[in-house]
Amino acid sequence: MTTSASRTTELCEAVLDEMERAVVGKRAALTLILTTVLARGHVLIEDLPGMGKTLIARSFAAALGLHFTRVQFTPDLLPADLLGSTIYDMRSGQFEFRRGPIFANLVMADEINRTPPKTQAALLEAMAEGQVSIDGETHRLPDPFTVIATENPIEFEGTYPLPEAQLDRFAVKVGLKYLSEADETSMLRRRLERGSAEAVLREVVDADQLSAMQQSVEQVTVHDDMLRYVVALAVATRSHPQVVVGASPRAELDLVQLARARALLNGRDYVVPEDVKALAVAAFGHRISLRPEMWVRSMHGSDVVEQLLKKLPAPRTPG
């Protein structure tokens, strides 16, 4: 089942409007995350504590009618704590599989870089295949399935850098940044007017409707010129003198799907260069590994992508 392009655009606007009842001043970040959800991607949010990361994940689950779980990634978290385990039921005399918190539509992996690599790696199969394998048996995850992971900046003590293989599984990396003074004042005023009660969001769509909206992304057309533009951008990251590892083929696939989803959000059934440009930094930046000396200069992969976007000629907008 698919939803028409115009209906999907309408529903997305309704979701974002509902989200803004709880989340103040972050429309751009919310739009990027919703775009990623539509493209069936996973989201990595890197920012300081207290910036609203958990609130955003909970609000998306409420507005999209999704089963939500939050896992606090700690140094002693084991893969079985995330995926589940097989236990012996004395009453039935049989082994039974007890599902872990990964079995949800929207999983928030909070502070993912505070847990050891073994547990980080437990997410890989789930994120890539929509399934987990335990004791030789494969278990399908619910559909739709999205991971929103949060991490503290790498400079913080007690963090384990995410390996490149796992970073590549995230379609986008989002930074929330501080609100403007006006938005912060508005946030405080809302809290005073609301009292101690939490903001309750209505369910705009349910899981089945979201799946249909995700399927409608496949109806968005992409001209060959746009595909060549995405490939040229990825190739340029690989040949850049300050880059050790450039954007992967998976990054190209993700960027195309994200561009299709953005086109849909903007009421179009075709991709234009602005879709690619608007999403390239979020989709490619975290996947690029720079030479060690670039860290001293505080240069990041996103800076390289921004340079290349200015340098590479974009194709003409389809007429």
Protein backbone atom coordinates (compact mmCIF):
# COMPACT_ATOMS: atom_id res chain seq x y z
CA MET A 1 0.00 0.00 0.00
CA THR A 2 1.25 3.48 -0.87
CA THR A 3 0.06 6.98 -0.05
CA SER A 4 -0.23 9.65 -2.76
CA ALA A 5 2.54 12.25 -2.90
CA SER A 6 0.22 15.13 -1.98
CA ARG A 7 -1.26 13.18 0.96
CA THR A 8 2.23 12.26 2.22
CA THR A 9 3.29 15.92 2.08
CA GLU A 10 0.17 16.91 4.00
CA LEU A 11 0.72 14.25 6.68
CA CYS A 12 4.39 15.20 7.09
CA GLU A 13 3.47 18.83 7.69
CA ALA A 14 0.88 17.72 10.25
CA VAL A 15 3.49 15.57 12.04
CA LEU A 16 5.99 18.44 12.18
CA ASP A 17 3.33 20.88 13.43
CA GLU A 18 2.34 18.44 16.17
CA MET A 19 5.99 17.89 17.13
CA GLU A 20 6.47 21.61 17.59
CA ARG A 21 3.91 21.55 20.38
CA ALA A 22 6.57 19.77 22.46
CA VAL A 23 9.86 20.70 20.76
CA VAL A 24 10.57 24.42 20.41
CA GLY A 25 12.71 26.03 17.70
CA LYS A 26 14.11 22.92 16.02
CA ARG A 27 11.99 22.69 12.86
CA ALA A 28 15.01 22.16 10.57
CA ALA A 29 16.36 19.27 12.68
CA LEU A 30 12.89 17.72 12.99
CA THR A 31 12.42 17.93 9.22
CA LEU A 32 15.77 16.23 8.61
CA ILE A 33 14.93 13.41 11.03
CA LEU A 34 11.46 12.91 9.49
CA THR A 35 13.06 12.87 6.03
CA THR A 36 15.39 10.11 7.23
CA VAL A 37 12.52 8.10 8.70
CA LEU A 38 10.65 8.35 5.37
CA ALA A 39 13.79 7.13 3.57
CA ARG A 40 13.97 4.13 5.97
CA GLY A 41 17.27 5.38 7.37
CA HIS A 42 18.72 5.60 10.87
CA VAL A 43 19.69 8.81 12.67
CA LEU A 44 22.75 9.70 14.75
CA ILE A 45 22.40 12.81 16.92
CA GLU A 46 25.61 14.24 18.37
CA ASP A 47 25.26 17.06 20.85
CA LEU A 48 25.72 18.13 24.44
CA PRO A 49 23.49 16.87 27.29
CA GLY A 50 20.19 18.65 27.84
CA MET A 51 19.61 19.64 24.20
CA GLY A 52 16.31 17.76 23.80
CA LYS A 53 17.51 14.56 22.11
CA THR A 54 15.33 12.22 24.20
CA LEU A 55 12.32 14.53 23.91
CA ILE A 56 12.63 14.53 20.12
CA ALA A 57 12.74 10.72 19.92
CA ARG A 58 9.73 10.32 22.26
CA SER A 59 7.78 12.98 20.38
CA PHE A 60 8.38 11.29 17.01
CA ALA A 61 7.19 7.97 18.43
CA ALA A 62 4.01 9.61 19.75
CA ALA A 63 3.19 11.56 16.58
CA LEU A 64 3.94 8.60 14.29
CA GLY A 65 2.10 6.04 16.44
CA LEU A 66 5.18 3.87 16.91
CA HIS A 67 6.16 1.45 19.67
CA PHE A 68 9.07 3.20 21.39
CA THR A 69 11.91 1.90 23.57
CA ARG A 70 14.87 3.74 25.04
CA VAL A 71 18.11 1.95 25.88
CA GLN A 72 20.74 3.66 28.00
CA PHE A 73 24.09 2.50 26.64
CA THR A 74 26.45 2.07 29.60
CA PRO A 75 29.93 0.53 29.90
CA ASP A 76 28.45 -2.69 31.35
CA LEU A 77 25.61 -3.12 28.80
CA LEU A 78 25.77 -6.56 27.14
CA PRO A 79 24.50 -7.52 23.66
CA ALA A 80 21.87 -9.78 25.28
CA ASP A 81 20.54 -6.79 27.23
CA LEU A 82 19.78 -5.14 23.89
CA LEU A 83 18.73 -8.03 21.66
CA GLY A 84 17.19 -10.47 24.14
CA SER A 85 18.17 -13.97 25.21
CA THR A 86 16.99 -17.56 25.38
CA ILE A 87 15.94 -18.71 28.85
CA TYR A 88 14.71 -22.01 30.27
CA ASP A 89 11.05 -22.03 31.30
CA MET A 90 10.72 -24.53 34.15
CA ARG A 91 6.92 -24.74 33.82
CA SER A 92 6.94 -25.75 30.15
CA GLY A 93 10.31 -27.50 30.25
CA GLN A 94 11.37 -25.64 27.11
CA PHE A 95 13.72 -22.84 26.15
CA GLU A 96 11.98 -19.59 25.25
CA PHE A 97 13.25 -16.46 23.58
CA ARG A 98 12.69 -13.28 25.58
CA ARG A 99 12.78 -10.26 23.30
CA GLY A 100 15.00 -7.32 24.17
CA PRO A 101 14.23 -3.62 23.72
CA ILE A 102 15.51 -3.71 20.12
CA PHE A 103 12.10 -5.17 19.17
CA ALA A 104 10.31 -1.86 18.69
CA ASN A 105 9.42 0.46 15.80
CA LEU A 106 11.56 3.30 17.12
CA VAL A 107 14.58 2.50 19.27
CA MET A 108 16.52 5.25 21.00
CA ALA A 109 20.12 4.19 21.65
CA ASP A 110 21.07 6.82 24.21
CA GLU A 111 24.77 7.72 24.54
CA ILE A 112 25.77 4.92 22.17
CA ASN A 113 29.45 5.84 22.41
CA ARG A 114 29.58 5.10 26.14
CA THR A 115 29.27 1.35 25.65
CA PRO A 116 32.07 -0.99 24.45
CA PRO A 117 32.40 -1.91 20.75
CA LYS A 118 30.99 -5.43 21.31
CA THR A 119 27.60 -4.03 22.27
CA GLN A 120 27.76 -1.30 19.62
CA ALA A 121 28.29 -4.04 17.04
CA ALA A 122 25.14 -5.84 18.23
CA LEU A 123 23.16 -3.06 16.53
CA LEU A 124 24.76 -3.63 13.12
CA GLU A 125 22.67 -6.53 11.84
CA ALA A 126 19.48 -4.99 13.19
CA MET A 127 20.14 -1.67 11.47
CA ALA A 128 21.23 -3.20 8.18
CA GLU A 129 18.88 -6.17 7.82
CA GLY A 130 15.90 -5.46 10.08
CA GLN A 131 16.55 -8.71 11.93
CA VAL A 132 18.70 -10.20 14.70
CA SER A 133 20.27 -13.66 15.02
CA ILE A 134 20.41 -15.25 18.46
CA ASP A 135 21.43 -18.85 19.24
CA GLY A 136 21.30 -19.73 15.55
CA GLU A 137 17.75 -18.40 15.03
CA THR A 138 16.78 -15.31 13.06
CA HIS A 139 14.12 -12.99 14.45
CA ARG A 140 12.50 -10.31 12.30
CA LEU A 141 12.15 -6.83 13.75
CA PRO A 142 8.90 -4.83 13.51
CA ASP A 143 8.23 -2.80 10.38
CA PRO A 144 8.80 0.13 10.23
CA PHE A 145 12.06 0.05 12.21
CA THR A 146 14.24 3.07 12.95
CA VAL A 147 17.16 3.66 15.31
CA ILE A 148 17.76 7.14 16.69
CA ALA A 149 21.14 7.02 18.43
CA THR A 150 22.63 9.82 20.47
CA GLU A 151 26.25 10.38 21.37
CA ASN A 152 28.27 12.89 23.31
CA PRO A 153 31.03 14.79 21.49
CA ILE A 154 34.13 12.62 21.17
CA GLU A 155 36.12 14.90 23.46
CA PHE A 156 34.06 13.79 26.47
CA GLU A 157 35.67 11.34 28.90
CA GLY A 158 34.50 7.73 28.97
CA THR A 159 33.49 7.53 25.31
CA TYR A 160 34.27 4.82 22.75
CA PRO A 161 34.49 6.17 19.18
CA LEU A 162 32.01 4.45 16.88
CA PRO A 163 33.75 2.25 14.29
CA GLU A 164 33.48 3.30 10.64
CA ALA A 165 31.33 0.24 9.83
CA GLN A 166 28.69 1.39 12.30
CA LEU A 167 28.87 5.07 11.38
CA ASP A 168 28.18 4.02 7.80
CA ARG A 169 24.87 2.47 8.91
CA PHE A 170 23.51 5.85 9.94
CA ALA A 171 21.92 7.68 7.02
CA VAL A 172 22.44 11.09 8.63
CA LYS A 173 24.21 12.75 11.53
CA VAL A 174 22.35 15.62 13.15
CA GLY A 175 23.54 18.39 15.47
CA LEU A 176 20.82 20.21 17.41
CA LYS A 177 22.72 23.30 18.63
CA TYR A 178 21.45 25.86 21.13
CA LEU A 179 18.15 27.68 20.65
CA SER A 180 17.96 31.38 19.95
CA GLU A 181 17.26 33.57 22.98
CA ALA A 182 13.69 34.13 21.79
CA ASP A 183 13.08 30.38 21.42
CA GLU A 184 14.61 29.65 24.82
CA THR A 185 12.32 32.25 26.39
CA SER A 186 9.35 30.67 24.58
CA MET A 187 10.37 27.22 25.87
CA LEU A 188 10.47 28.48 29.47
CA ARG A 189 7.11 30.25 29.07
CA ARG A 190 5.49 27.07 27.73
CA ARG A 191 6.79 25.13 30.74
CA LEU A 192 5.31 27.67 33.16
CA GLU A 193 1.94 27.69 31.38
CA ARG A 194 1.78 23.89 31.14
CA GLY A 195 2.63 23.24 34.77
CA SER A 196 4.19 19.95 35.84
CA ALA A 197 2.29 17.89 33.23
CA GLU A 198 4.22 16.60 30.23
CA ALA A 199 3.18 17.80 26.78
CA VAL A 200 0.90 15.11 25.31
CA LEU A 201 1.06 14.75 21.54
CA ARG A 202 -1.71 13.25 19.45
CA GLU A 203 -1.07 10.40 17.04
CA VAL A 204 -1.07 11.93 13.56
CA VAL A 205 -0.40 8.68 11.68
CA ASP A 206 -0.03 5.06 12.74
CA ALA A 207 2.66 2.52 11.89
CA ASP A 208 0.76 1.20 8.85
CA GLN A 209 0.27 4.70 7.45
CA LEU A 210 3.96 5.46 7.98
CA SER A 211 4.89 2.30 6.05
CA ALA A 212 2.65 3.47 3.19
CA MET A 213 4.31 6.90 3.28
CA GLN A 214 7.74 5.25 3.14
CA GLN A 215 6.59 3.23 0.14
CA SER A 216 5.43 6.40 -1.64
CA VAL A 217 9.06 7.61 -1.64
CA GLU A 218 9.69 4.93 -4.28
CA GLN A 219 7.38 6.82 -6.66
CA VAL A 220 9.69 9.85 -6.75
CA THR A 221 11.70 9.97 -9.99
CA VAL A 222 15.43 10.75 -10.17
CA HIS A 223 17.00 12.02 -13.41
CA ASP A 224 20.32 10.49 -14.52
CA ASP A 225 21.95 13.92 -14.12
CA MET A 226 21.11 13.81 -10.40
CA LEU A 227 22.60 10.34 -10.06
CA ARG A 228 25.80 11.49 -11.79
CA TYR A 229 25.93 14.50 -9.44
CA VAL A 230 25.71 12.23 -6.36
CA VAL A 231 28.42 9.94 -7.75
CA ALA A 232 30.68 12.89 -8.63
CA LEU A 233 30.32 14.21 -5.09
CA ALA A 234 31.19 10.83 -3.57
CA VAL A 235 34.17 10.33 -5.91
CA ALA A 236 35.43 13.82 -5.03
CA THR A 237 35.46 12.91 -1.32
CA ARG A 238 37.61 9.85 -2.06
CA SER A 239 40.20 11.79 -4.05
CA HIS A 240 40.35 14.78 -1.69
CA PRO A 241 43.94 15.30 -0.44
CA GLN A 242 42.85 15.62 3.21
CA VAL A 243 40.65 12.51 3.20
CA VAL A 244 41.76 8.97 4.07
CA VAL A 245 38.39 7.23 3.52
CA GLY A 246 35.70 8.89 1.41
CA ALA A 247 31.96 8.35 1.07
CA SER A 248 30.92 4.72 0.50
CA PRO A 249 28.49 3.35 -2.10
CA ARG A 250 26.02 2.93 0.78
CA ALA A 251 26.34 6.67 1.42
CA GLU A 252 25.40 7.32 -2.22
CA LEU A 253 22.34 5.08 -1.93
CA ASP A 254 21.28 6.81 1.27
CA LEU A 255 21.70 10.28 -0.22
CA VAL A 256 19.53 9.40 -3.22
CA GLN A 257 16.78 8.01 -0.97
CA LEU A 258 17.01 11.03 1.32
CA ALA A 259 16.74 13.37 -1.68
CA ARG A 260 13.62 11.51 -2.85
CA ALA A 261 12.08 11.81 0.61
CA ARG A 262 12.90 15.54 0.76
CA ALA A 263 11.30 16.05 -2.64
CA LEU A 264 8.16 14.40 -1.30
CA LEU A 265 8.15 16.61 1.79
CA ASN A 266 8.30 19.61 -0.54
CA GLY A 267 5.36 18.39 -2.61
CA ARG A 268 7.34 17.17 -5.64
CA ASP A 269 7.52 13.76 -7.31
CA TYR A 270 10.99 14.43 -8.75
CA VAL A 271 14.40 15.30 -7.29
CA VAL A 272 16.14 18.64 -7.91
CA PRO A 273 19.79 19.61 -7.19
CA GLU A 274 18.71 21.52 -4.06
CA ASP A 275 17.53 18.24 -2.51
CA VAL A 276 20.99 16.73 -2.89
CA LYS A 277 22.78 19.89 -1.73
CA ALA A 278 20.57 20.25 1.36
CA LEU A 279 21.29 16.70 2.52
CA ALA A 280 24.85 15.98 1.35
CA VAL A 281 26.58 17.29 4.49
CA ALA A 282 24.29 15.34 6.84
CA ALA A 283 24.58 12.16 4.74
CA PHE A 284 28.31 12.21 3.87
CA GLY A 285 30.04 14.21 6.60
CA HIS A 286 30.17 11.55 9.33
CA ARG A 287 31.31 8.85 6.90
CA ILE A 288 34.51 10.63 5.86
CA SER A 289 37.77 9.87 7.69
CA LEU A 290 40.33 12.68 7.58
CA ARG A 291 44.09 12.59 7.92
CA PRO A 292 45.20 12.79 11.59
CA GLU A 293 46.66 16.28 11.23
CA MET A 294 43.21 17.62 10.27
CA TRP A 295 41.96 17.01 13.82
CA VAL A 296 44.54 19.51 15.07
CA ARG A 297 43.03 22.09 12.74
CA SER A 298 39.51 21.22 14.00
CA MET A 299 38.48 20.21 10.50
CA HIS A 300 35.69 17.66 10.05
CA GLY A 301 34.23 15.60 7.23
CA SER A 302 31.31 18.02 6.98
CA ASP A 303 33.77 20.82 6.14
CA VAL A 304 35.12 18.80 3.20
CA VAL A 305 31.61 18.15 1.86
CA GLU A 306 30.74 21.85 2.10
CA GLN A 307 33.90 22.70 0.13
CA LEU A 308 33.01 20.19 -2.58
CA LEU A 309 29.41 21.43 -2.86
CA LYS A 310 30.75 24.91 -3.68
CA LYS A 311 33.31 23.53 -6.12
CA LEU A 312 31.33 20.94 -8.11
CA PRO A 313 28.88 22.22 -10.74
CA ALA A 314 25.30 21.14 -10.05
CA PRO A 315 23.05 19.88 -12.85
CA ARG A 316 20.23 22.03 -14.13
CA THR A 317 16.87 21.74 -12.43
CA PRO A 318 14.50 19.59 -14.54
CA GLY A 319 12.22 21.82 -16.47
